[in-house]
Amino acid sequence: MDGPGESSAAHLLSLPGVQRFPSSRLDLFIVKDFLSAPECEELVALIEAEHRPSTIADFTGDDAFRTSSTCDLSAQVPAVADLAAKLARLSGIDPAHAEPLQGQRYEVGQQFKAHTDTFEPGTADYQRYCSASGQRTWTFMVYLNEVDAGGATRFREIDKLIQPERGKLVAWNNRKPDRQPNPATLHHAMKVRRGRKYVITQWYRERPWV
């Protein structure tokens, strides 16, 4: 790690239970059972109570690009504060660099087509969302439930398919060593075929979140 907004492969691999996907194209990690069943259930209930239609930056004109729901989670809720602290301990990133935690909810047929979590430099949305806190550095995402069918996350540039499992965390570095956005992080939240999917996501920034 070379700054308060950064994690690193060396740091993550020094921790118990962290597995690295073998790829020279991006840093991608998995931690099984990062959250317990009761922790997941409490977070699912929060998402279910407050979700709204999801939006995207740099809208492409495709209304079917992201069809999930989103929930902004308040740090005043103990379960949310506990998770934010747990993620900070895992990542080693200063919590000041964390965006507010966000939950996502997917019904049957809903998806988020292939995208990266970074903002495209030179666009109006890059200026809008990155002028104060900078680009996104790392993504830490936790699946909160078992999905009856579908709902996998596909990193198509490295041919990696990750199935949702309750409590499983997936983390990746959104940038290349030169700190430019890494196109190999392109990922697709695939359609739920049966049941419902809940995830929670923590994004970190180059500079403190404001």
C-alpha atoms as a PDB file:
ATOM      1  CA  MET A   1       0.000   0.000   0.000  1.00  0.00           C
ATOM      2  CA  ASP A   2       1.363   3.426  -0.904  1.00  0.00           C
ATOM      3  CA  GLY A   3      -1.324   5.757   0.416  1.00  0.00           C
ATOM      4  CA  PRO A   4      -4.363   5.958   2.703  1.00  0.00           C
ATOM      5  CA  GLY A   5      -6.746   5.337  -0.227  1.00  0.00           C
ATOM      6  CA  GLU A   6      -4.951   2.192  -1.367  1.00  0.00           C
ATOM      7  CA  SER A   7      -4.930  -1.487  -0.537  1.00  0.00           C
ATOM      8  CA  SER A   8      -2.510  -3.996  -2.061  1.00  0.00           C
ATOM      9  CA  ALA A   9      -2.153  -7.637  -2.987  1.00  0.00           C
ATOM     10  CA  ALA A  10       0.604  -8.033  -0.405  1.00  0.00           C
ATOM     11  CA  HIS A  11      -1.610  -6.687   2.364  1.00  0.00           C
ATOM     12  CA  LEU A  12      -4.658  -8.743   1.459  1.00  0.00           C
ATOM     13  CA  LEU A  13      -2.712 -11.975   1.043  1.00  0.00           C
ATOM     14  CA  SER A  14      -1.199 -11.503   4.498  1.00  0.00           C
ATOM     15  CA  LEU A  15      -4.675 -11.994   5.999  1.00  0.00           C
ATOM     16  CA  PRO A  16      -6.297 -15.354   6.752  1.00  0.00           C
ATOM     17  CA  GLY A  17      -8.888 -16.652   4.311  1.00  0.00           C
ATOM     18  CA  VAL A  18      -8.003 -14.363   1.407  1.00  0.00           C
ATOM     19  CA  GLN A  19      -7.673 -16.130  -1.945  1.00  0.00           C
ATOM     20  CA  ARG A  20      -6.292 -14.544  -5.103  1.00  0.00           C
ATOM     21  CA  PHE A  21      -7.529 -15.331  -8.596  1.00  0.00           C
ATOM     22  CA  PRO A  22      -4.451 -16.077 -10.709  1.00  0.00           C
ATOM     23  CA  SER A  23      -4.298 -13.379 -13.368  1.00  0.00           C
ATOM     24  CA  SER A  24      -1.631 -10.994 -14.602  1.00  0.00           C
ATOM     25  CA  ARG A  25      -4.322  -8.598 -15.816  1.00  0.00           C
ATOM     26  CA  LEU A  26      -5.932  -7.532 -12.545  1.00  0.00           C
ATOM     27  CA  ASP A  27      -5.838  -8.014  -8.777  1.00  0.00           C
ATOM     28  CA  LEU A  28      -8.962 -10.007  -7.832  1.00  0.00           C
ATOM     29  CA  PHE A  29      -9.578 -11.596  -4.431  1.00  0.00           C
ATOM     30  CA  ILE A  30     -12.237 -13.745  -2.759  1.00  0.00           C
ATOM     31  CA  VAL A  31     -12.969 -14.275   0.944  1.00  0.00           C
ATOM     32  CA  LYS A  32     -15.561 -16.895   1.814  1.00  0.00           C
ATOM     33  CA  ASP A  33     -17.730 -16.455   4.926  1.00  0.00           C
ATOM     34  CA  PHE A  34     -16.648 -12.853   5.382  1.00  0.00           C
ATOM     35  CA  LEU A  35     -20.072 -12.169   6.927  1.00  0.00           C
ATOM     36  CA  SER A  36     -22.155 -14.505   9.061  1.00  0.00           C
ATOM     37  CA  ALA A  37     -25.720 -15.518   8.213  1.00  0.00           C
ATOM     38  CA  PRO A  38     -27.233 -13.186  10.881  1.00  0.00           C
ATOM     39  CA  GLU A  39     -25.129 -10.251   9.631  1.00  0.00           C
ATOM     40  CA  CYS A  40     -26.307 -10.889   6.073  1.00  0.00           C
ATOM     41  CA  GLU A  41     -29.940 -11.197   7.107  1.00  0.00           C
ATOM     42  CA  GLU A  42     -29.861  -7.870   8.936  1.00  0.00           C
ATOM     43  CA  LEU A  43     -28.362  -6.103   5.930  1.00  0.00           C
ATOM     44  CA  VAL A  44     -30.870  -7.707   3.551  1.00  0.00           C
ATOM     45  CA  ALA A  45     -33.699  -6.367   5.721  1.00  0.00           C
ATOM     46  CA  LEU A  46     -32.249  -2.849   5.521  1.00  0.00           C
ATOM     47  CA  ILE A  47     -32.017  -3.042   1.724  1.00  0.00           C
ATOM     48  CA  GLU A  48     -35.521  -4.466   1.407  1.00  0.00           C
ATOM     49  CA  ALA A  49     -36.935  -1.585   3.422  1.00  0.00           C
ATOM     50  CA  GLU A  50     -35.297   1.308   1.550  1.00  0.00           C
ATOM     51  CA  HIS A  51     -34.398   0.332  -2.037  1.00  0.00           C
ATOM     52  CA  ARG A  52     -35.020   2.542  -5.088  1.00  0.00           C
ATOM     53  CA  PRO A  53     -34.340   2.135  -8.843  1.00  0.00           C
ATOM     54  CA  SER A  54     -30.621   2.107  -9.629  1.00  0.00           C
ATOM     55  CA  THR A  55     -28.975   4.755 -11.816  1.00  0.00           C
ATOM     56  CA  ILE A  56     -25.736   4.873 -13.810  1.00  0.00           C
ATOM     57  CA  ALA A  57     -23.133   7.475 -14.697  1.00  0.00           C
ATOM     58  CA  ASP A  58     -22.387   8.109 -18.396  1.00  0.00           C
ATOM     59  CA  PHE A  59     -25.839   6.906 -19.488  1.00  0.00           C
ATOM     60  CA  THR A  60     -25.609   4.955 -22.753  1.00  0.00           C
ATOM     61  CA  GLY A  61     -29.263   5.254 -23.770  1.00  0.00           C
ATOM     62  CA  ASP A  62     -29.862   1.594 -22.939  1.00  0.00           C
ATOM     63  CA  ASP A  63     -32.703   1.497 -20.412  1.00  0.00           C
ATOM     64  CA  ALA A  64     -31.991  -2.196 -19.783  1.00  0.00           C
ATOM     65  CA  PHE A  65     -28.314  -1.622 -18.939  1.00  0.00           C
ATOM     66  CA  ARG A  66     -28.892  -1.551 -15.167  1.00  0.00           C
ATOM     67  CA  THR A  67     -32.251  -2.742 -13.909  1.00  0.00           C
ATOM     68  CA  SER A  68     -31.552  -3.436 -10.240  1.00  0.00           C
ATOM     69  CA  SER A  69     -32.555  -1.447  -7.167  1.00  0.00           C
ATOM     70  CA  THR A  70     -30.169   0.432  -4.878  1.00  0.00           C
ATOM     71  CA  CYS A  71     -30.217   1.270  -1.179  1.00  0.00           C
ATOM     72  CA  ASP A  72     -28.083   3.990   0.424  1.00  0.00           C
ATOM     73  CA  LEU A  73     -27.112   2.636   3.829  1.00  0.00           C
ATOM     74  CA  SER A  74     -26.788   4.978   6.782  1.00  0.00           C
ATOM     75  CA  ALA A  75     -23.612   4.827   8.838  1.00  0.00           C
ATOM     76  CA  GLN A  76     -25.794   5.652  11.846  1.00  0.00           C
ATOM     77  CA  VAL A  77     -27.184   2.110  11.752  1.00  0.00           C
ATOM     78  CA  PRO A  78     -24.970  -0.147  13.912  1.00  0.00           C
ATOM     79  CA  ALA A  79     -24.931  -3.036  11.411  1.00  0.00           C
ATOM     80  CA  VAL A  80     -23.769  -0.681   8.660  1.00  0.00           C
ATOM     81  CA  ALA A  81     -21.119   0.962  10.832  1.00  0.00           C
ATOM     82  CA  ASP A  82     -19.851  -2.456  11.913  1.00  0.00           C
ATOM     83  CA  LEU A  83     -19.530  -3.607   8.302  1.00  0.00           C
ATOM     84  CA  ALA A  84     -17.724  -0.423   7.245  1.00  0.00           C
ATOM     85  CA  ALA A  85     -15.223  -0.932  10.058  1.00  0.00           C
ATOM     86  CA  LYS A  86     -14.772  -4.601   9.169  1.00  0.00           C
ATOM     87  CA  LEU A  87     -14.101  -3.714   5.526  1.00  0.00           C
ATOM     88  CA  ALA A  88     -11.595  -1.045   6.550  1.00  0.00           C
ATOM     89  CA  ARG A  89      -9.727  -3.592   8.649  1.00  0.00           C
ATOM     90  CA  LEU A  90      -9.646  -6.037   5.747  1.00  0.00           C
ATOM     91  CA  SER A  91      -8.672  -3.525   3.082  1.00  0.00           C
ATOM     92  CA  GLY A  92      -6.256  -1.524   5.201  1.00  0.00           C
ATOM     93  CA  ILE A  93      -7.738   1.619   3.621  1.00  0.00           C
ATOM     94  CA  ASP A  94      -8.426   4.707   5.719  1.00  0.00           C
ATOM     95  CA  PRO A  95     -12.225   4.870   6.227  1.00  0.00           C
ATOM     96  CA  ALA A  96     -12.125   8.538   5.245  1.00  0.00           C
ATOM     97  CA  HIS A  97     -11.627   7.345   1.653  1.00  0.00           C
ATOM     98  CA  ALA A  98     -14.792   5.201   1.656  1.00  0.00           C
ATOM     99  CA  GLU A  99     -17.973   6.117  -0.155  1.00  0.00           C
ATOM    100  CA  PRO A 100     -21.149   5.462   1.842  1.00  0.00           C
ATOM    101  CA  LEU A 101     -22.014   1.785   1.760  1.00  0.00           C
ATOM    102  CA  GLN A 102     -24.597   0.823  -0.831  1.00  0.00           C
ATOM    103  CA  GLY A 103     -26.851  -2.205  -1.153  1.00  0.00           C
ATOM    104  CA  GLN A 104     -28.159  -3.637  -4.417  1.00  0.00           C
ATOM    105  CA  ARG A 105     -31.238  -5.784  -4.987  1.00  0.00           C
ATOM    106  CA  TYR A 106     -31.944  -7.876  -8.098  1.00  0.00           C
ATOM    107  CA  GLU A 107     -35.297  -9.410  -8.972  1.00  0.00           C
ATOM    108  CA  VAL A 108     -35.793 -12.134 -11.602  1.00  0.00           C
ATOM    109  CA  GLY A 109     -34.581 -10.841 -14.967  1.00  0.00           C
ATOM    110  CA  GLN A 110     -32.669  -7.899 -13.516  1.00  0.00           C
ATOM    111  CA  GLN A 111     -28.987  -7.309 -14.224  1.00  0.00           C
ATOM    112  CA  PHE A 112     -26.184  -4.771 -14.554  1.00  0.00           C
ATOM    113  CA  LYS A 113     -24.582  -5.249 -17.951  1.00  0.00           C
ATOM    114  CA  ALA A 114     -20.798  -5.346 -18.380  1.00  0.00           C
ATOM    115  CA  HIS A 115     -19.232  -2.236 -16.851  1.00  0.00           C
ATOM    116  CA  THR A 116     -16.285  -1.030 -14.833  1.00  0.00           C
ATOM    117  CA  ASP A 117     -16.586   0.787 -11.499  1.00  0.00           C
ATOM    118  CA  THR A 118     -14.318   3.662 -12.534  1.00  0.00           C
ATOM    119  CA  PHE A 119     -15.480   6.877 -14.174  1.00  0.00           C
ATOM    120  CA  GLU A 120     -14.297   7.609 -17.695  1.00  0.00           C
ATOM    121  CA  PRO A 121     -11.684  10.419 -17.662  1.00  0.00           C
ATOM    122  CA  GLY A 122     -12.601  13.393 -19.799  1.00  0.00           C
ATOM    123  CA  THR A 123     -16.363  12.987 -19.478  1.00  0.00           C
ATOM    124  CA  ALA A 124     -18.818  15.297 -17.773  1.00  0.00           C
ATOM    125  CA  ASP A 125     -19.607  12.585 -15.208  1.00  0.00           C
ATOM    126  CA  TYR A 126     -15.900  12.220 -14.407  1.00  0.00           C
ATOM    127  CA  GLN A 127     -15.764  15.927 -13.607  1.00  0.00           C
ATOM    128  CA  ARG A 128     -18.969  15.697 -11.607  1.00  0.00           C
ATOM    129  CA  TYR A 129     -18.135  12.615  -9.526  1.00  0.00           C
ATOM    130  CA  CYS A 130     -14.331  12.706  -9.280  1.00  0.00           C
ATOM    131  CA  SER A 131     -13.372  16.374  -8.996  1.00  0.00           C
ATOM    132  CA  ALA A 132     -13.360  16.321  -5.183  1.00  0.00           C
ATOM    133  CA  SER A 133     -12.586  12.753  -4.091  1.00  0.00           C
ATOM    134  CA  GLY A 134     -10.803  11.420  -7.156  1.00  0.00           C
ATOM    135  CA  GLN A 135     -11.188   8.148  -8.997  1.00  0.00           C
ATOM    136  CA  ARG A 136     -12.377   4.909  -7.429  1.00  0.00           C
ATOM    137  CA  THR A 137      -9.445   2.783  -6.307  1.00  0.00           C
ATOM    138  CA  TRP A 138     -10.851  -0.503  -4.924  1.00  0.00           C
ATOM    139  CA  THR A 139     -14.192  -2.292  -4.883  1.00  0.00           C
ATOM    140  CA  PHE A 140     -15.210  -4.628  -2.027  1.00  0.00           C
ATOM    141  CA  MET A 141     -18.511  -6.432  -2.660  1.00  0.00           C
ATOM    142  CA  VAL A 142     -20.312  -8.969  -0.462  1.00  0.00           C
ATOM    143  CA  TYR A 143     -23.078 -11.353  -1.530  1.00  0.00           C
ATOM    144  CA  LEU A 144     -25.770 -11.404   1.135  1.00  0.00           C
ATOM    145  CA  ASN A 145     -27.819 -14.446   0.122  1.00  0.00           C
ATOM    146  CA  GLU A 146     -27.941 -17.631  -1.902  1.00  0.00           C
ATOM    147  CA  VAL A 147     -29.634 -17.145  -5.281  1.00  0.00           C
ATOM    148  CA  ASP A 148     -31.852 -19.941  -6.559  1.00  0.00           C
ATOM    149  CA  ALA A 149     -30.566 -19.572 -10.141  1.00  0.00           C
ATOM    150  CA  GLY A 150     -28.465 -17.032 -12.021  1.00  0.00           C
ATOM    151  CA  GLY A 151     -27.044 -13.850 -10.582  1.00  0.00           C
ATOM    152  CA  ALA A 152     -23.355 -14.659 -11.073  1.00  0.00           C
ATOM    153  CA  THR A 153     -20.714 -11.968 -11.574  1.00  0.00           C
ATOM    154  CA  ARG A 154     -18.772 -12.474 -14.784  1.00  0.00           C
ATOM    155  CA  PHE A 155     -15.353 -10.897 -15.335  1.00  0.00           C
ATOM    156  CA  ARG A 156     -15.361 -11.588 -19.034  1.00  0.00           C
ATOM    157  CA  GLU A 157     -11.918 -10.199 -19.865  1.00  0.00           C
ATOM    158  CA  ILE A 158     -10.323 -12.901 -17.685  1.00  0.00           C
ATOM    159  CA  ASP A 159     -13.034 -15.550 -18.167  1.00  0.00           C
ATOM    160  CA  LYS A 160     -13.913 -15.700 -14.469  1.00  0.00           C
ATOM    161  CA  LEU A 161     -17.445 -16.455 -13.265  1.00  0.00           C
ATOM    162  CA  ILE A 162     -18.161 -15.914  -9.556  1.00  0.00           C
ATOM    163  CA  GLN A 163     -21.289 -17.480  -8.117  1.00  0.00           C
ATOM    164  CA  PRO A 164     -23.170 -15.693  -5.327  1.00  0.00           C
ATOM    165  CA  GLU A 165     -22.803 -17.339  -1.924  1.00  0.00           C
ATOM    166  CA  ARG A 166     -24.082 -15.828   1.306  1.00  0.00           C
ATOM    167  CA  GLY A 167     -21.307 -13.963   3.103  1.00  0.00           C
ATOM    168  CA  LYS A 168     -18.724 -14.268   0.295  1.00  0.00           C
ATOM    169  CA  LEU A 169     -16.657 -11.162  -0.416  1.00  0.00           C
ATOM    170  CA  VAL A 170     -15.105 -10.279  -3.764  1.00  0.00           C
ATOM    171  CA  ALA A 171     -12.543  -7.467  -3.994  1.00  0.00           C
ATOM    172  CA  TRP A 172     -10.602  -5.983  -6.875  1.00  0.00           C
ATOM    173  CA  ASN A 173      -8.279  -3.132  -7.737  1.00  0.00           C
ATOM    174  CA  ASN A 174      -9.989  -0.904 -10.310  1.00  0.00           C
ATOM    175  CA  ARG A 175      -6.750   0.493 -11.692  1.00  0.00           C
ATOM    176  CA  LYS A 176      -3.555  -0.610 -13.386  1.00  0.00           C
ATOM    177  CA  PRO A 177      -0.104  -0.029 -11.809  1.00  0.00           C
ATOM    178  CA  ASP A 178       0.063   3.349 -13.578  1.00  0.00           C
ATOM    179  CA  ARG A 179      -3.214   4.248 -11.785  1.00  0.00           C
ATOM    180  CA  GLN A 180      -5.204   4.460 -14.988  1.00  0.00           C
ATOM    181  CA  PRO A 181      -8.562   2.616 -15.101  1.00  0.00           C
ATOM    182  CA  ASN A 182      -8.087  -1.082 -15.777  1.00  0.00           C
ATOM    183  CA  PRO A 183     -10.390  -2.336 -18.573  1.00  0.00           C
ATOM    184  CA  ALA A 184      -9.838  -5.920 -17.398  1.00  0.00           C
ATOM    185  CA  THR A 185     -12.120  -5.167 -14.433  1.00  0.00           C
ATOM    186  CA  LEU A 186     -15.099  -5.184 -16.801  1.00  0.00           C
ATOM    187  CA  HIS A 187     -17.767  -7.218 -15.030  1.00  0.00           C
ATOM    188  CA  HIS A 188     -21.391  -8.181 -15.583  1.00  0.00           C
ATOM    189  CA  ALA A 189     -23.927  -8.741 -12.805  1.00  0.00           C
ATOM    190  CA  MET A 190     -25.775 -11.425 -14.721  1.00  0.00           C
ATOM    191  CA  LYS A 191     -29.535 -11.859 -14.742  1.00  0.00           C
ATOM    192  CA  VAL A 192     -31.217 -13.525 -11.812  1.00  0.00           C
ATOM    193  CA  ARG A 193     -33.125 -16.491 -13.219  1.00  0.00           C
ATOM    194  CA  ARG A 194     -34.936 -17.583 -10.077  1.00  0.00           C
ATOM    195  CA  GLY A 195     -35.192 -16.018  -6.631  1.00  0.00           C
ATOM    196  CA  ARG A 196     -33.640 -12.694  -5.655  1.00  0.00           C
ATOM    197  CA  LYS A 197     -30.087 -11.424  -5.152  1.00  0.00           C
ATOM    198  CA  TYR A 198     -28.753  -8.966  -2.574  1.00  0.00           C
ATOM    199  CA  VAL A 199     -25.241  -7.558  -2.485  1.00  0.00           C
ATOM    200  CA  ILE A 200     -23.527  -4.763  -0.622  1.00  0.00           C
ATOM    201  CA  THR A 201     -20.714  -2.703  -2.096  1.00  0.00           C
ATOM    202  CA  GLN A 202     -17.952  -0.521  -0.695  1.00  0.00           C
ATOM    203  CA  TRP A 203     -16.033   1.711  -3.084  1.00  0.00           C
ATOM    204  CA  TYR A 204     -12.899   3.588  -2.057  1.00  0.00           C
ATOM    205  CA  ARG A 205     -11.501   6.805  -3.537  1.00  0.00           C
ATOM    206  CA  GLU A 206      -8.072   8.340  -4.163  1.00  0.00           C
ATOM    207  CA  ARG A 207      -8.827  11.198  -1.789  1.00  0.00           C
ATOM    208  CA  PRO A 208     -11.102  11.488   1.265  1.00  0.00           C
ATOM    209  CA  TRP A 209     -14.820  11.273   0.498  1.00  0.00           C
ATOM    210  CA  VAL A 210     -16.641  14.604   0.653  1.00  0.00           C
END
